[in-house]
Amino acid sequence: MLADLQRALDWLRPKLRETPEVALILGSGLGPLAESVTEAVEVSVREIPGYPAPTVSGHAGRLVFGRLEECRVVVLQGRLHCYEGYPPQTVTLPVRLVHALGARRLIVTNAAGGLNPHFRPGTLMFIVDHINAAFRNPLVGQLVDQRPLMRGAPDMCRAYDPDWLAEAEAVALHLGIPTWRGVYLWTLGPSYETKAEIRMYRRMGADAVGMSTVPEVLQARQLGMKVLGISTITNMAAGLHAGPLTHEEVLQVGLQVRDRLERLIRGILYQLSAKKF
């Protein structure tokens, strides 16, 4: 694990013009935001030694370094999932990589199924907390590593930075973009949930369900990164949905809300740039 990280760092560093401040992980259908990066240095993950490639449709598999709203960013265009067969330690290698390159903030987005009856496809939800229903953790085995970057077991009571969340909500209000707050629940996948599971998750307090994000947030918080999470509700979950769920539907709704989500993320980055972090 450490060897893969070091190989990737050694290969990437000479190619970068400047170090990133903010990392963005883009979910299904949301990858085109990377096309807006200026002064871009684009790298296919298939070229990076030790970096596993995503296999899911809608996840391009590129790192794009450059600037958005004058923030130095790295956009992870495509993510890894445990359901692809990767262990959580591999899924979170990109987070360790961008942190080692300099990023201290992480914006993580995903496509999710809606459990909250007030949600509709196209709703944007700020994540205030999560439930790990996949019962996997990328930090297993890492706490024996005594390097300075490793901080031990993280307190997850403030996994999603509340101050940054409040600032992001103010940006959304200023831009006239409706948003909700909610709890995101992670399942392993790749199958969608049964009706009985959805009933259970709603009773547990979840507002949205998906197959990503939580491993990355766990890793980011262990490294001391500030995290902001945004879910795009692309469909209503099983039992709340008029027909069978498909990945194509997820991608289609992602396309429909792409402009709103891009404006929101740009506004959040502009605010960070104006504050100079």
C-alpha atoms as a PDB file:
ATOM      1  CA  MET A   1       0.000   0.000   0.000  1.00  0.00           C
ATOM      2  CA  LEU A   2       2.757   2.448   0.966  1.00  0.00           C
ATOM      3  CA  ALA A   3       4.856   1.326  -1.981  1.00  0.00           C
ATOM      4  CA  ASP A   4       1.986   2.048  -4.428  1.00  0.00           C
ATOM      5  CA  LEU A   5       1.530   5.528  -2.946  1.00  0.00           C
ATOM      6  CA  GLN A   6       5.226   6.357  -3.188  1.00  0.00           C
ATOM      7  CA  ARG A   7       5.474   5.104  -6.771  1.00  0.00           C
ATOM      8  CA  ALA A   8       2.495   7.251  -7.766  1.00  0.00           C
ATOM      9  CA  LEU A   9       3.950  10.324  -6.037  1.00  0.00           C
ATOM     10  CA  ASP A  10       7.344   9.899  -7.637  1.00  0.00           C
ATOM     11  CA  TRP A  11       5.729   9.640 -11.070  1.00  0.00           C
ATOM     12  CA  LEU A  12       3.262  12.537 -10.638  1.00  0.00           C
ATOM     13  CA  ARG A  13       5.230  15.274  -8.899  1.00  0.00           C
ATOM     14  CA  PRO A  14       7.537  16.162 -11.814  1.00  0.00           C
ATOM     15  CA  LYS A  15       4.499  16.642 -14.080  1.00  0.00           C
ATOM     16  CA  LEU A  16       2.696  19.221 -11.907  1.00  0.00           C
ATOM     17  CA  ARG A  17       3.012  22.994 -12.251  1.00  0.00           C
ATOM     18  CA  GLU A  18       1.691  23.659  -8.731  1.00  0.00           C
ATOM     19  CA  THR A  19       0.335  21.733  -5.767  1.00  0.00           C
ATOM     20  CA  PRO A  20      -3.444  21.410  -5.270  1.00  0.00           C
ATOM     21  CA  GLU A  21      -5.303  22.993  -2.357  1.00  0.00           C
ATOM     22  CA  VAL A  22      -8.702  21.331  -2.868  1.00  0.00           C
ATOM     23  CA  ALA A  23      -9.478  17.846  -4.169  1.00  0.00           C
ATOM     24  CA  LEU A  24     -12.823  17.092  -5.839  1.00  0.00           C
ATOM     25  CA  ILE A  25     -14.082  13.532  -6.265  1.00  0.00           C
ATOM     26  CA  LEU A  26     -16.832  13.386  -8.875  1.00  0.00           C
ATOM     27  CA  GLY A  27     -19.615  10.793  -8.853  1.00  0.00           C
ATOM     28  CA  SER A  28     -21.524   9.056 -11.657  1.00  0.00           C
ATOM     29  CA  GLY A  29     -22.296  11.371 -14.574  1.00  0.00           C
ATOM     30  CA  LEU A  30     -20.631  14.362 -12.906  1.00  0.00           C
ATOM     31  CA  GLY A  31     -17.216  14.045 -14.525  1.00  0.00           C
ATOM     32  CA  PRO A  32     -17.627  16.872 -17.098  1.00  0.00           C
ATOM     33  CA  LEU A  33     -16.935  19.469 -14.393  1.00  0.00           C
ATOM     34  CA  ALA A  34     -13.286  18.614 -14.951  1.00  0.00           C
ATOM     35  CA  GLU A  35     -13.532  20.142 -18.435  1.00  0.00           C
ATOM     36  CA  SER A  36     -13.848  23.578 -16.781  1.00  0.00           C
ATOM     37  CA  VAL A  37     -10.434  23.400 -15.112  1.00  0.00           C
ATOM     38  CA  THR A  38      -8.019  26.003 -16.500  1.00  0.00           C
ATOM     39  CA  GLU A  39      -4.247  25.663 -16.818  1.00  0.00           C
ATOM     40  CA  ALA A  40      -5.025  21.964 -16.773  1.00  0.00           C
ATOM     41  CA  VAL A  41      -2.593  19.100 -16.486  1.00  0.00           C
ATOM     42  CA  GLU A  42      -4.534  15.930 -17.314  1.00  0.00           C
ATOM     43  CA  VAL A  43      -3.300  12.493 -16.347  1.00  0.00           C
ATOM     44  CA  SER A  44      -4.923   9.159 -17.142  1.00  0.00           C
ATOM     45  CA  VAL A  45      -4.888   6.993 -14.029  1.00  0.00           C
ATOM     46  CA  ARG A  46      -3.870   4.090 -16.234  1.00  0.00           C
ATOM     47  CA  GLU A  47      -0.484   5.781 -16.626  1.00  0.00           C
ATOM     48  CA  ILE A  48       0.137   6.220 -12.888  1.00  0.00           C
ATOM     49  CA  PRO A  49       2.186   3.378 -11.380  1.00  0.00           C
ATOM     50  CA  GLY A  50       0.241   1.514  -8.717  1.00  0.00           C
ATOM     51  CA  TYR A  51      -3.028   3.383  -9.371  1.00  0.00           C
ATOM     52  CA  PRO A  52      -5.984   1.054 -10.097  1.00  0.00           C
ATOM     53  CA  ALA A  53      -8.327   2.077 -12.908  1.00  0.00           C
ATOM     54  CA  PRO A  54     -12.118   2.475 -12.441  1.00  0.00           C
ATOM     55  CA  THR A  55     -14.274   0.059 -14.405  1.00  0.00           C
ATOM     56  CA  VAL A  56     -17.733   1.653 -14.065  1.00  0.00           C
ATOM     57  CA  SER A  57     -19.516   3.530 -16.864  1.00  0.00           C
ATOM     58  CA  GLY A  58     -19.517   7.281 -16.205  1.00  0.00           C
ATOM     59  CA  HIS A  59     -16.148   7.218 -14.418  1.00  0.00           C
ATOM     60  CA  ALA A  60     -13.499   8.368 -16.873  1.00  0.00           C
ATOM     61  CA  GLY A  61     -10.401   7.583 -14.846  1.00  0.00           C
ATOM     62  CA  ARG A  62      -8.439  10.855 -15.013  1.00  0.00           C
ATOM     63  CA  LEU A  63      -6.798  13.261 -12.610  1.00  0.00           C
ATOM     64  CA  VAL A  64      -7.056  16.881 -13.717  1.00  0.00           C
ATOM     65  CA  PHE A  65      -4.800  19.404 -11.996  1.00  0.00           C
ATOM     66  CA  GLY A  66      -5.290  23.133 -12.487  1.00  0.00           C
ATOM     67  CA  ARG A  67      -7.501  25.988 -11.348  1.00  0.00           C
ATOM     68  CA  LEU A  68     -11.203  26.530 -10.773  1.00  0.00           C
ATOM     69  CA  GLU A  69     -12.278  29.989  -9.568  1.00  0.00           C
ATOM     70  CA  GLU A  70      -8.606  30.703  -8.770  1.00  0.00           C
ATOM     71  CA  CYS A  71      -8.405  27.724  -6.417  1.00  0.00           C
ATOM     72  CA  ARG A  72      -5.664  25.219  -7.092  1.00  0.00           C
ATOM     73  CA  VAL A  73      -7.566  21.973  -7.524  1.00  0.00           C
ATOM     74  CA  VAL A  74      -7.203  18.359  -8.462  1.00  0.00           C
ATOM     75  CA  VAL A  75     -10.338  16.778  -9.908  1.00  0.00           C
ATOM     76  CA  LEU A  76     -10.650  13.015  -9.638  1.00  0.00           C
ATOM     77  CA  GLN A  77     -12.733  12.302 -12.708  1.00  0.00           C
ATOM     78  CA  GLY A  78     -14.012   8.869 -11.809  1.00  0.00           C
ATOM     79  CA  ARG A  79     -13.737   6.988  -8.541  1.00  0.00           C
ATOM     80  CA  LEU A  80     -13.134   3.461  -7.345  1.00  0.00           C
ATOM     81  CA  HIS A  81     -15.732   1.306  -5.579  1.00  0.00           C
ATOM     82  CA  CYS A  82     -15.463  -1.711  -3.322  1.00  0.00           C
ATOM     83  CA  TYR A  83     -18.034  -3.485  -5.487  1.00  0.00           C
ATOM     84  CA  GLU A  84     -15.515  -3.487  -8.344  1.00  0.00           C
ATOM     85  CA  GLY A  85     -13.546  -5.975  -6.266  1.00  0.00           C
ATOM     86  CA  TYR A  86     -11.146  -3.481  -4.716  1.00  0.00           C
ATOM     87  CA  PRO A  87     -10.529  -3.516  -0.942  1.00  0.00           C
ATOM     88  CA  PRO A  88     -11.297  -0.215   0.819  1.00  0.00           C
ATOM     89  CA  GLN A  89      -7.578   0.478   1.270  1.00  0.00           C
ATOM     90  CA  THR A  90      -7.223   0.499  -2.525  1.00  0.00           C
ATOM     91  CA  VAL A  91     -10.404   2.532  -3.050  1.00  0.00           C
ATOM     92  CA  THR A  92      -8.945   5.281  -0.864  1.00  0.00           C
ATOM     93  CA  LEU A  93      -5.459   5.380  -2.377  1.00  0.00           C
ATOM     94  CA  PRO A  94      -6.497   8.468  -4.439  1.00  0.00           C
ATOM     95  CA  VAL A  95      -7.305  10.342  -1.215  1.00  0.00           C
ATOM     96  CA  ARG A  96      -3.924   9.513   0.293  1.00  0.00           C
ATOM     97  CA  LEU A  97      -2.315  10.554  -2.984  1.00  0.00           C
ATOM     98  CA  VAL A  98      -3.966  13.987  -3.277  1.00  0.00           C
ATOM     99  CA  HIS A  99      -3.300  14.674   0.399  1.00  0.00           C
ATOM    100  CA  ALA A 100       0.377  13.828  -0.050  1.00  0.00           C
ATOM    101  CA  LEU A 101       0.427  16.221  -3.023  1.00  0.00           C
ATOM    102  CA  GLY A 102      -0.841  19.070  -0.844  1.00  0.00           C
ATOM    103  CA  ALA A 103      -4.671  19.051  -0.793  1.00  0.00           C
ATOM    104  CA  ARG A 104      -6.102  19.800   2.644  1.00  0.00           C
ATOM    105  CA  ARG A 105      -9.782  20.062   1.671  1.00  0.00           C
ATOM    106  CA  LEU A 106     -11.966  17.497  -0.063  1.00  0.00           C
ATOM    107  CA  ILE A 107     -15.264  18.024  -1.888  1.00  0.00           C
ATOM    108  CA  VAL A 108     -16.847  14.655  -2.518  1.00  0.00           C
ATOM    109  CA  THR A 109     -19.928  14.212  -4.708  1.00  0.00           C
ATOM    110  CA  ASN A 110     -22.030  11.185  -5.505  1.00  0.00           C
ATOM    111  CA  ALA A 111     -25.192   9.975  -7.179  1.00  0.00           C
ATOM    112  CA  ALA A 112     -27.602   8.575  -4.586  1.00  0.00           C
ATOM    113  CA  GLY A 113     -31.032   7.067  -4.239  1.00  0.00           C
ATOM    114  CA  GLY A 114     -33.520   9.138  -2.285  1.00  0.00           C
ATOM    115  CA  LEU A 115     -35.044   7.763   0.926  1.00  0.00           C
ATOM    116  CA  ASN A 116     -36.468  11.008   2.260  1.00  0.00           C
ATOM    117  CA  PRO A 117     -40.048  11.269   0.951  1.00  0.00           C
ATOM    118  CA  HIS A 118     -39.558  15.009   0.352  1.00  0.00           C
ATOM    119  CA  PHE A 119     -36.777  14.362  -2.159  1.00  0.00           C
ATOM    120  CA  ARG A 120     -37.258  14.108  -5.911  1.00  0.00           C
ATOM    121  CA  PRO A 121     -34.803  13.147  -8.660  1.00  0.00           C
ATOM    122  CA  GLY A 122     -32.519  16.142  -9.151  1.00  0.00           C
ATOM    123  CA  THR A 123     -32.448  17.178  -5.475  1.00  0.00           C
ATOM    124  CA  LEU A 124     -29.042  18.345  -4.224  1.00  0.00           C
ATOM    125  CA  MET A 125     -28.331  17.201  -0.666  1.00  0.00           C
ATOM    126  CA  PHE A 126     -25.490  18.391   1.545  1.00  0.00           C
ATOM    127  CA  ILE A 127     -24.282  15.420   3.583  1.00  0.00           C
ATOM    128  CA  VAL A 128     -24.303  16.140   7.312  1.00  0.00           C
ATOM    129  CA  ASP A 129     -23.486  12.614   8.463  1.00  0.00           C
ATOM    130  CA  HIS A 130     -23.243   9.064   7.171  1.00  0.00           C
ATOM    131  CA  ILE A 131     -24.011   5.464   8.094  1.00  0.00           C
ATOM    132  CA  ASN A 132     -21.532   2.743   7.164  1.00  0.00           C
ATOM    133  CA  ALA A 133     -23.851  -0.137   6.266  1.00  0.00           C
ATOM    134  CA  ALA A 134     -21.149  -1.880   4.212  1.00  0.00           C
ATOM    135  CA  PHE A 135     -19.200  -2.552   7.419  1.00  0.00           C
ATOM    136  CA  ARG A 136     -15.838  -1.968   5.750  1.00  0.00           C
ATOM    137  CA  ASN A 137     -13.196   0.536   6.761  1.00  0.00           C
ATOM    138  CA  PRO A 138     -10.079   1.609   4.833  1.00  0.00           C
ATOM    139  CA  LEU A 139      -8.245   2.391   8.070  1.00  0.00           C
ATOM    140  CA  VAL A 140      -7.955  -1.269   9.024  1.00  0.00           C
ATOM    141  CA  GLY A 141      -4.240  -1.996   9.183  1.00  0.00           C
ATOM    142  CA  GLN A 142      -3.199   1.651   8.795  1.00  0.00           C
ATOM    143  CA  LEU A 143      -2.988   2.583  12.455  1.00  0.00           C
ATOM    144  CA  VAL A 144       0.217   0.583  12.902  1.00  0.00           C
ATOM    145  CA  ASP A 145       1.896   3.076  10.551  1.00  0.00           C
ATOM    146  CA  GLN A 146       3.597   5.708  12.697  1.00  0.00           C
ATOM    147  CA  ARG A 147       4.436   8.241   9.986  1.00  0.00           C
ATOM    148  CA  PRO A 148       3.581  11.873  10.935  1.00  0.00           C
ATOM    149  CA  LEU A 149       0.742  11.998   8.367  1.00  0.00           C
ATOM    150  CA  MET A 150      -1.067   9.166  10.114  1.00  0.00           C
ATOM    151  CA  ARG A 151      -3.077  10.559  13.029  1.00  0.00           C
ATOM    152  CA  GLY A 152      -4.573   7.414  14.524  1.00  0.00           C
ATOM    153  CA  ALA A 153      -8.292   6.683  14.758  1.00  0.00           C
ATOM    154  CA  PRO A 154     -10.270   9.790  13.702  1.00  0.00           C
ATOM    155  CA  ASP A 155     -13.247  11.181  15.613  1.00  0.00           C
ATOM    156  CA  MET A 156     -16.111  11.040  13.118  1.00  0.00           C
ATOM    157  CA  CYS A 157     -18.566  13.265  15.027  1.00  0.00           C
ATOM    158  CA  ARG A 158     -17.619  16.117  12.658  1.00  0.00           C
ATOM    159  CA  ALA A 159     -16.859  14.054   9.581  1.00  0.00           C
ATOM    160  CA  TYR A 160     -18.417  16.710   7.327  1.00  0.00           C
ATOM    161  CA  ASP A 161     -17.028  20.060   8.419  1.00  0.00           C
ATOM    162  CA  PRO A 162     -19.990  22.022   9.861  1.00  0.00           C
ATOM    163  CA  ASP A 163     -18.456  25.458   9.297  1.00  0.00           C
ATOM    164  CA  TRP A 164     -17.675  24.713   5.654  1.00  0.00           C
ATOM    165  CA  LEU A 165     -21.176  23.261   5.256  1.00  0.00           C
ATOM    166  CA  ALA A 166     -22.766  26.465   6.581  1.00  0.00           C
ATOM    167  CA  GLU A 167     -20.649  28.558   4.185  1.00  0.00           C
ATOM    168  CA  ALA A 168     -21.600  26.296   1.265  1.00  0.00           C
ATOM    169  CA  GLU A 169     -25.301  26.614   2.119  1.00  0.00           C
ATOM    170  CA  ALA A 170     -24.912  30.396   2.102  1.00  0.00           C
ATOM    171  CA  VAL A 171     -23.364  30.143  -1.370  1.00  0.00           C
ATOM    172  CA  ALA A 172     -26.287  27.995  -2.569  1.00  0.00           C
ATOM    173  CA  LEU A 173     -28.782  30.521  -1.170  1.00  0.00           C
ATOM    174  CA  HIS A 174     -26.963  33.385  -2.867  1.00  0.00           C
ATOM    175  CA  LEU A 175     -27.018  31.529  -6.191  1.00  0.00           C
ATOM    176  CA  GLY A 176     -30.689  30.565  -5.838  1.00  0.00           C
ATOM    177  CA  ILE A 177     -29.915  26.831  -5.854  1.00  0.00           C
ATOM    178  CA  PRO A 178     -32.255  24.826  -3.578  1.00  0.00           C
ATOM    179  CA  THR A 179     -30.473  22.310  -1.340  1.00  0.00           C
ATOM    180  CA  TRP A 180     -31.366  19.973   1.493  1.00  0.00           C
ATOM    181  CA  ARG A 181     -29.397  18.493   4.361  1.00  0.00           C
ATOM    182  CA  GLY A 182     -29.367  14.769   4.932  1.00  0.00           C
ATOM    183  CA  VAL A 183     -27.687  11.582   6.106  1.00  0.00           C
ATOM    184  CA  TYR A 184     -26.011   9.384   3.490  1.00  0.00           C
ATOM    185  CA  LEU A 185     -25.930   5.605   3.924  1.00  0.00           C
ATOM    186  CA  TRP A 186     -23.234   3.500   2.233  1.00  0.00           C
ATOM    187  CA  THR A 187     -24.021   0.010   0.971  1.00  0.00           C
ATOM    188  CA  LEU A 188     -21.502  -2.296  -0.669  1.00  0.00           C
ATOM    189  CA  GLY A 189     -23.415  -2.889  -3.935  1.00  0.00           C
ATOM    190  CA  PRO A 190     -23.318  -3.564  -6.799  1.00  0.00           C
ATOM    191  CA  SER A 191     -26.964  -4.636  -6.536  1.00  0.00           C
ATOM    192  CA  TYR A 192     -29.567  -2.052  -5.606  1.00  0.00           C
ATOM    193  CA  GLU A 193     -31.370  -2.427  -2.305  1.00  0.00           C
ATOM    194  CA  THR A 194     -34.439  -4.542  -1.599  1.00  0.00           C
ATOM    195  CA  LYS A 195     -37.671  -2.963  -0.412  1.00  0.00           C
ATOM    196  CA  ALA A 196     -37.142  -4.430   3.052  1.00  0.00           C
ATOM    197  CA  GLU A 197     -33.644  -2.959   3.230  1.00  0.00           C
ATOM    198  CA  ILE A 198     -34.945   0.455   2.218  1.00  0.00           C
ATOM    199  CA  ARG A 199     -37.575   0.344   4.967  1.00  0.00           C
ATOM    200  CA  MET A 200     -34.821  -0.537   7.465  1.00  0.00           C
ATOM    201  CA  TYR A 201     -32.517   2.248   6.256  1.00  0.00           C
ATOM    202  CA  ARG A 202     -35.285   4.833   6.552  1.00  0.00           C
ATOM    203  CA  ARG A 203     -35.917   3.748  10.146  1.00  0.00           C
ATOM    204  CA  MET A 204     -32.190   4.084  10.814  1.00  0.00           C
ATOM    205  CA  GLY A 205     -32.396   7.761   9.847  1.00  0.00           C
ATOM    206  CA  ALA A 206     -30.888   7.737   6.351  1.00  0.00           C
ATOM    207  CA  ASP A 207     -32.063  10.246   3.742  1.00  0.00           C
ATOM    208  CA  ALA A 208     -30.073   8.882   0.786  1.00  0.00           C
ATOM    209  CA  VAL A 209     -28.321   5.643  -0.114  1.00  0.00           C
ATOM    210  CA  GLY A 210     -25.365   4.951  -2.384  1.00  0.00           C
ATOM    211  CA  MET A 211     -22.319   2.782  -3.021  1.00  0.00           C
ATOM    212  CA  SER A 212     -19.408   5.184  -2.464  1.00  0.00           C
ATOM    213  CA  THR A 213     -18.104   8.200  -0.523  1.00  0.00           C
ATOM    214  CA  VAL A 214     -17.859   6.820   3.016  1.00  0.00           C
ATOM    215  CA  PRO A 215     -14.460   5.100   2.570  1.00  0.00           C
ATOM    216  CA  GLU A 216     -13.016   8.294   1.072  1.00  0.00           C
ATOM    217  CA  VAL A 217     -14.375  10.415   3.910  1.00  0.00           C
ATOM    218  CA  LEU A 218     -13.001   8.041   6.554  1.00  0.00           C
ATOM    219  CA  GLN A 219      -9.576   8.239   4.939  1.00  0.00           C
ATOM    220  CA  ALA A 220      -9.719  12.013   4.505  1.00  0.00           C
ATOM    221  CA  ARG A 221     -10.652  12.580   8.128  1.00  0.00           C
ATOM    222  CA  GLN A 222      -7.827  10.365   9.354  1.00  0.00           C
ATOM    223  CA  LEU A 223      -5.476  12.594   7.381  1.00  0.00           C
ATOM    224  CA  GLY A 224      -7.004  15.728   8.899  1.00  0.00           C
ATOM    225  CA  MET A 225      -8.673  16.977   5.713  1.00  0.00           C
ATOM    226  CA  LYS A 226     -11.805  19.149   5.851  1.00  0.00           C
ATOM    227  CA  VAL A 227     -14.651  17.446   3.988  1.00  0.00           C
ATOM    228  CA  LEU A 228     -17.755  18.741   2.209  1.00  0.00           C
ATOM    229  CA  GLY A 229     -20.165  16.171   0.754  1.00  0.00           C
ATOM    230  CA  ILE A 230     -22.902  16.687  -1.859  1.00  0.00           C
ATOM    231  CA  SER A 231     -25.295  13.992  -3.080  1.00  0.00           C
ATOM    232  CA  THR A 232     -27.312  14.282  -6.272  1.00  0.00           C
ATOM    233  CA  ILE A 233     -30.562  12.392  -5.768  1.00  0.00           C
ATOM    234  CA  THR A 234     -30.847  10.644  -9.125  1.00  0.00           C
ATOM    235  CA  ASN A 235     -33.734   8.303  -8.336  1.00  0.00           C
ATOM    236  CA  MET A 236     -36.006   7.223  -5.534  1.00  0.00           C
ATOM    237  CA  ALA A 237     -34.859   4.021  -3.900  1.00  0.00           C
ATOM    238  CA  ALA A 238     -36.517   0.602  -4.232  1.00  0.00           C
ATOM    239  CA  GLY A 239     -40.125   0.627  -3.088  1.00  0.00           C
ATOM    240  CA  LEU A 240     -40.279   4.407  -3.610  1.00  0.00           C
ATOM    241  CA  HIS A 241     -39.626   4.166  -7.332  1.00  0.00           C
ATOM    242  CA  ALA A 242     -42.147   3.625 -10.123  1.00  0.00           C
ATOM    243  CA  GLY A 243     -40.077   1.003 -11.970  1.00  0.00           C
ATOM    244  CA  PRO A 244     -36.813  -0.947 -11.934  1.00  0.00           C
ATOM    245  CA  LEU A 245     -33.646   0.998 -11.103  1.00  0.00           C
ATOM    246  CA  THR A 246     -30.934   1.310 -13.766  1.00  0.00           C
ATOM    247  CA  HIS A 247     -27.467   2.857 -13.931  1.00  0.00           C
ATOM    248  CA  GLU A 248     -28.531   4.654 -17.143  1.00  0.00           C
ATOM    249  CA  GLU A 249     -31.191   6.522 -15.186  1.00  0.00           C
ATOM    250  CA  VAL A 250     -28.565   7.588 -12.648  1.00  0.00           C
ATOM    251  CA  LEU A 251     -26.375   9.008 -15.417  1.00  0.00           C
ATOM    252  CA  GLN A 252     -29.303  10.767 -17.116  1.00  0.00           C
ATOM    253  CA  VAL A 253     -30.417  12.651 -14.000  1.00  0.00           C
ATOM    254  CA  GLY A 254     -26.774  13.490 -13.295  1.00  0.00           C
ATOM    255  CA  LEU A 255     -26.660  15.199 -16.674  1.00  0.00           C
ATOM    256  CA  GLN A 256     -29.840  17.154 -15.916  1.00  0.00           C
ATOM    257  CA  VAL A 257     -28.477  18.662 -12.689  1.00  0.00           C
ATOM    258  CA  ARG A 258     -24.901  19.080 -13.905  1.00  0.00           C
ATOM    259  CA  ASP A 259     -25.209  22.827 -14.538  1.00  0.00           C
ATOM    260  CA  ARG A 260     -26.639  23.503 -11.076  1.00  0.00           C
ATOM    261  CA  LEU A 261     -24.018  21.369  -9.378  1.00  0.00           C
ATOM    262  CA  GLU A 262     -21.207  22.982 -11.338  1.00  0.00           C
ATOM    263  CA  ARG A 263     -22.440  26.491 -10.423  1.00  0.00           C
ATOM    264  CA  LEU A 264     -22.635  25.448  -6.776  1.00  0.00           C
ATOM    265  CA  ILE A 265     -19.137  23.967  -6.691  1.00  0.00           C
ATOM    266  CA  ARG A 266     -17.728  26.980  -8.531  1.00  0.00           C
ATOM    267  CA  GLY A 267     -19.377  29.262  -5.977  1.00  0.00           C
ATOM    268  CA  ILE A 268     -17.937  27.261  -3.090  1.00  0.00           C
ATOM    269  CA  LEU A 269     -14.454  27.416  -4.601  1.00  0.00           C
ATOM    270  CA  TYR A 270     -14.810  31.143  -5.330  1.00  0.00           C
ATOM    271  CA  GLN A 271     -15.676  31.733  -1.693  1.00  0.00           C
ATOM    272  CA  LEU A 272     -12.643  29.731  -0.568  1.00  0.00           C
ATOM    273  CA  SER A 273     -10.414  31.691  -2.931  1.00  0.00           C
ATOM    274  CA  ALA A 274     -11.788  35.004  -1.664  1.00  0.00           C
ATOM    275  CA  LYS A 275     -11.119  33.927   1.925  1.00  0.00           C
ATOM    276  CA  LYS A 276      -7.662  32.620   0.946  1.00  0.00           C
ATOM    277  CA  PHE A 277      -8.516  29.543   3.022  1.00  0.00           C
END
